[in-house]
Protein backbone atom coordinates (compact mmCIF):
# COMPACT_ATOMS: atom_id res chain seq x y z
CA MET A 1 8.22 -13.32 -31.25
CA ALA A 2 10.49 -16.35 -31.16
CA ASN A 3 13.34 -13.84 -31.44
CA GLY A 4 12.11 -11.59 -28.63
CA ALA A 5 9.53 -9.30 -30.24
CA ALA A 6 7.04 -8.09 -27.64
CA ILE A 7 4.59 -6.08 -29.77
CA VAL A 8 2.74 -6.91 -32.98
CA ASN A 9 2.00 -3.72 -34.94
CA ASP A 10 -0.75 -4.87 -37.30
CA ILE A 11 -1.24 -2.04 -39.78
CA SER A 12 -3.86 -4.02 -41.69
CA GLY A 13 -6.73 -3.13 -39.35
CA LEU A 14 -7.86 -6.78 -39.59
CA THR A 15 -8.44 -6.38 -43.35
CA LEU A 16 -6.18 -9.44 -43.75
CA GLY A 17 -7.85 -11.48 -41.00
CA THR A 18 -7.04 -12.17 -37.36
CA GLU A 19 -3.91 -14.32 -37.76
CA ALA A 20 -1.56 -11.61 -36.44
CA ALA A 21 -3.81 -11.09 -33.42
CA GLU A 22 -3.95 -14.81 -32.75
CA ALA A 23 -0.15 -15.00 -32.93
CA ALA A 24 0.11 -12.12 -30.44
CA ALA A 25 -2.30 -13.89 -28.10
CA GLU A 26 -0.35 -17.14 -28.36
CA GLY A 27 2.97 -15.43 -27.73
CA GLY A 28 1.74 -13.17 -24.93
CA ALA A 29 2.65 -10.07 -26.95
CA GLY A 30 1.06 -6.65 -27.09
CA TYR A 31 -0.99 -5.85 -30.18
CA VAL A 32 -1.55 -2.53 -31.96
CA LEU A 33 -4.90 -2.17 -33.71
CA ASN A 34 -4.36 0.32 -36.52
CA TYR A 35 -7.31 1.95 -38.29
CA SER A 36 -7.20 1.15 -41.99
CA TYR A 37 -10.04 1.74 -44.45
CA THR A 38 -8.74 -0.97 -46.76
CA VAL A 39 -5.73 -3.26 -47.20
CA PRO A 40 -2.70 -1.01 -46.49
CA LYS A 41 -0.74 0.47 -49.38
CA HIS A 42 -3.73 0.10 -51.70
CA ARG A 43 -5.20 3.55 -52.37
CA PRO A 44 -9.01 3.35 -52.03
CA ASP A 45 -10.79 3.93 -55.33
CA PRO A 46 -13.19 5.57 -55.02
CA ALA A 47 -11.92 7.45 -51.99
CA PRO A 48 -13.97 6.88 -48.83
CA VAL A 49 -16.58 9.47 -47.89
CA TYR A 50 -16.98 9.98 -44.16
CA GLY A 51 -19.93 11.62 -42.46
CA ASP A 52 -17.72 12.33 -39.44
CA VAL A 53 -14.29 10.74 -39.70
CA VAL A 54 -13.63 10.65 -35.95
CA THR A 55 -17.04 9.29 -34.95
CA GLU A 56 -16.74 6.61 -37.63
CA THR A 57 -13.22 5.70 -36.49
CA VAL A 58 -14.45 5.33 -32.90
CA GLY A 59 -17.24 3.01 -34.09
CA TRP A 60 -14.81 1.05 -36.25
CA MET A 61 -12.49 0.58 -33.26
CA ALA A 62 -15.33 -0.76 -31.10
CA GLU A 63 -16.20 -3.38 -33.73
CA ARG A 64 -12.58 -4.46 -34.25
CA LEU A 65 -11.93 -4.68 -30.50
CA ALA A 66 -14.83 -7.13 -30.23
CA GLU A 67 -13.32 -9.18 -33.08
CA LEU A 68 -9.93 -9.24 -31.35
CA GLU A 69 -11.43 -10.44 -28.08
CA ALA A 70 -13.31 -13.16 -29.98
CA ALA A 71 -9.95 -14.19 -31.49
CA GLY A 72 -8.57 -14.73 -27.98
CA LEU A 73 -6.65 -11.49 -27.44
CA ALA A 74 -6.94 -9.99 -23.97
CA ARG A 75 -8.26 -6.43 -23.92
CA GLU A 76 -5.34 -5.24 -21.78
CA ALA A 77 -2.89 -6.36 -24.50
CA ILE A 78 -4.35 -3.98 -27.11
CA ALA A 79 -3.32 -0.43 -27.99
CA ILE A 80 -5.15 1.54 -30.69
CA ASP A 81 -3.75 3.71 -33.48
CA PRO A 82 -6.05 6.14 -35.38
CA GLY A 83 -4.26 5.31 -38.63
CA ILE A 84 -2.95 8.66 -39.81
CA ALA A 85 -2.53 8.37 -43.62
CA PHE A 86 -4.58 5.17 -43.83
CA GLY A 87 -7.63 5.82 -46.02
CA LYS A 88 -8.06 9.47 -45.03
CA SER A 89 -7.39 12.76 -46.76
CA HIS A 90 -4.86 15.15 -45.24
CA ASP A 91 -7.72 17.24 -43.89
CA GLU A 92 -9.25 14.14 -42.29
CA ASP A 93 -5.86 13.26 -40.80
CA ILE A 94 -5.74 16.70 -39.19
CA GLN A 95 -9.33 16.39 -37.95
CA SER A 96 -8.37 13.05 -36.38
CA LEU A 97 -5.40 14.66 -34.63
CA ARG A 98 -7.52 17.58 -33.44
CA ARG A 99 -10.04 15.21 -31.81
CA LEU A 100 -7.66 12.47 -30.73
CA SER A 101 -9.01 12.45 -27.18
CA GLU A 102 -12.32 11.04 -28.46
CA LEU A 103 -10.58 7.75 -29.24
CA ARG A 104 -9.85 7.31 -25.55
CA THR A 105 -13.50 6.36 -25.04
CA ALA A 106 -12.43 2.85 -26.08
CA GLY A 107 -10.38 2.69 -22.88
CA GLN A 108 -7.24 1.42 -24.64
CA PRO A 109 -3.75 2.98 -24.67
CA LEU A 110 -3.41 5.35 -27.61
CA LEU A 111 -0.51 4.99 -30.05
CA LEU A 112 0.27 7.58 -32.71
CA ALA A 113 2.33 6.91 -35.86
CA HIS A 114 2.35 10.42 -37.33
CA SER A 115 6.01 11.15 -37.91
CA ARG A 116 6.98 13.00 -41.13
CA LYS A 117 3.77 11.99 -42.91
CA ASN A 118 2.28 13.86 -45.85
CA TYR A 119 -0.41 15.75 -43.92
CA ILE A 120 2.51 17.82 -42.58
CA GLY A 121 3.59 18.76 -46.09
CA SER A 122 0.06 19.96 -46.83
CA VAL A 123 0.36 22.45 -43.98
CA SER A 124 3.99 23.60 -44.02
CA GLY A 125 5.25 22.56 -47.45
CA ALA A 126 8.22 20.77 -45.87
CA GLY A 127 9.62 17.65 -47.52
CA PRO A 128 9.67 14.28 -45.71
CA GLU A 129 13.22 14.64 -44.33
CA ASP A 130 12.48 18.13 -42.98
CA ARG A 131 9.29 17.48 -40.99
CA ASP A 132 10.61 16.73 -37.51
CA LEU A 133 9.70 20.17 -36.11
CA GLU A 134 6.05 19.78 -37.14
CA THR A 135 6.11 16.19 -35.90
CA HIS A 136 7.28 17.36 -32.45
CA VAL A 137 4.50 19.97 -32.28
CA THR A 138 1.97 17.28 -33.14
CA THR A 139 3.50 14.93 -30.56
CA ALA A 140 3.12 17.50 -27.78
CA LEU A 141 -0.50 18.23 -28.69
CA ALA A 142 -1.27 14.51 -28.90
CA TYR A 143 0.29 13.91 -25.48
CA ALA A 144 -2.00 16.59 -24.05
CA GLN A 145 -4.96 14.61 -25.46
CA GLY A 146 -3.88 11.34 -23.88
CA ALA A 147 -1.62 9.62 -26.42
CA ARG A 148 1.24 7.88 -24.63
CA ILE A 149 2.95 5.72 -27.28
CA PHE A 150 4.62 7.34 -30.28
CA ARG A 151 6.24 5.75 -33.33
CA VAL A 152 8.69 8.32 -34.68
CA HIS A 153 11.88 8.87 -36.66
CA ASP A 154 13.59 11.36 -34.32
CA VAL A 155 13.66 9.51 -31.00
CA ALA A 156 15.98 11.90 -29.15
CA GLY A 157 13.93 14.95 -30.15
CA THR A 158 10.73 13.17 -29.19
CA ARG A 159 12.08 12.39 -25.71
CA ARG A 160 12.74 16.11 -25.17
CA THR A 161 9.34 17.06 -26.59
CA LEU A 162 7.55 14.63 -24.29
CA ALA A 163 9.55 15.69 -21.24
CA MET A 164 8.36 19.26 -21.83
CA ALA A 165 4.79 18.21 -22.62
CA ALA A 166 4.61 16.06 -19.48
CA ALA A 167 5.96 18.93 -17.37
CA ILE A 168 3.23 21.26 -18.63
CA VAL A 169 0.37 18.75 -18.66
CA SER A 170 0.92 16.66 -15.57
CA ALA A 171 3.82 17.74 -13.33
CA ALA A 172 2.90 18.74 -9.79
CA PRO A 173 3.25 22.45 -8.90
CA GLY A 174 6.76 23.18 -7.69
CA ALA A 175 8.27 20.11 -9.32
CA PHE A 176 10.87 22.11 -11.18
CA ALA A 177 11.64 25.51 -9.65
CA PRO A 178 9.51 26.38 -6.62
CA ASP A 179 11.70 29.38 -5.76
CA GLU A 180 14.65 31.28 -7.18
CA GLY A 181 17.08 29.52 -4.87
CA SER A 182 16.28 26.16 -6.42
CA TRP A 183 17.55 27.14 -9.85
CA PRO A 184 20.96 25.68 -10.77
CA TRP A 185 22.47 29.08 -11.58
CA ALA A 186 25.73 28.90 -13.52
CA ALA A 187 28.63 30.54 -11.69
CA GLY A 188 28.60 34.30 -12.30
CA ALA A 189 25.58 34.17 -14.60
CA THR A 190 22.95 36.88 -14.63
CA ALA A 191 19.33 35.81 -14.30
CA PRO A 192 18.52 35.97 -18.05
CA GLU A 193 21.63 33.93 -18.90
CA ALA A 194 20.80 31.39 -16.23
CA ILE A 195 17.22 31.10 -17.46
CA ALA A 196 18.49 30.41 -20.97
CA GLU A 197 20.83 27.76 -19.58
CA LYS A 198 18.02 26.18 -17.53
CA ALA A 199 16.13 25.50 -20.74
CA LEU A 200 18.89 23.11 -21.81
CA ILE A 201 18.82 21.03 -18.64
CA ASP A 202 17.10 17.65 -18.90
CA ALA A 203 13.86 17.15 -17.00
CA PRO A 204 14.39 15.30 -13.71
CA PRO A 205 13.79 11.55 -13.42
CA GLY A 206 10.12 10.66 -13.34
CA GLN A 207 9.18 13.35 -15.85
CA ARG A 208 10.20 11.32 -18.88
CA TRP A 209 7.83 9.10 -20.78
């Protein structure tokens, strides 16, 4: 933070204590509370058994938020991350993504760090460097459920994905093409050609995340 950092992304889920949260509070930084079943990078043995992974994550978040407030961190400084790939099976990761909106009951901004992770390989078989397409699909679905902060590898592709997701989820009727005359037809283009070209035009200002 002395060098300008504005966010502390604490992947430990407080398994290492509250020092990172206290530093964020002292420095006036934002803080990301990441779900983690155990100390990160240590595979749980035995593996955790969840009754309902999403319900238990929601309860875990409520307890940790109380700890963070007790450590002096303002509630408005905290975003929450469901912890994809932290102490969950690939199936449980996908369940968490399917029910992401339930985490919004905590009232905090929702961050998702899902890019290129192994749950994708379980579904499509793609290797880590070839998972951006599946990541973008997941990003769009997560946006529709209320996630607004995304930690990704392909930033440019994610901007385009979110511009489209925002247009579908939240743009006012008529924001893009209320009538045929509003389309920026290319000179001499037929309608199908122009429609194809329209798909390549960036969303207007205000529709980006």
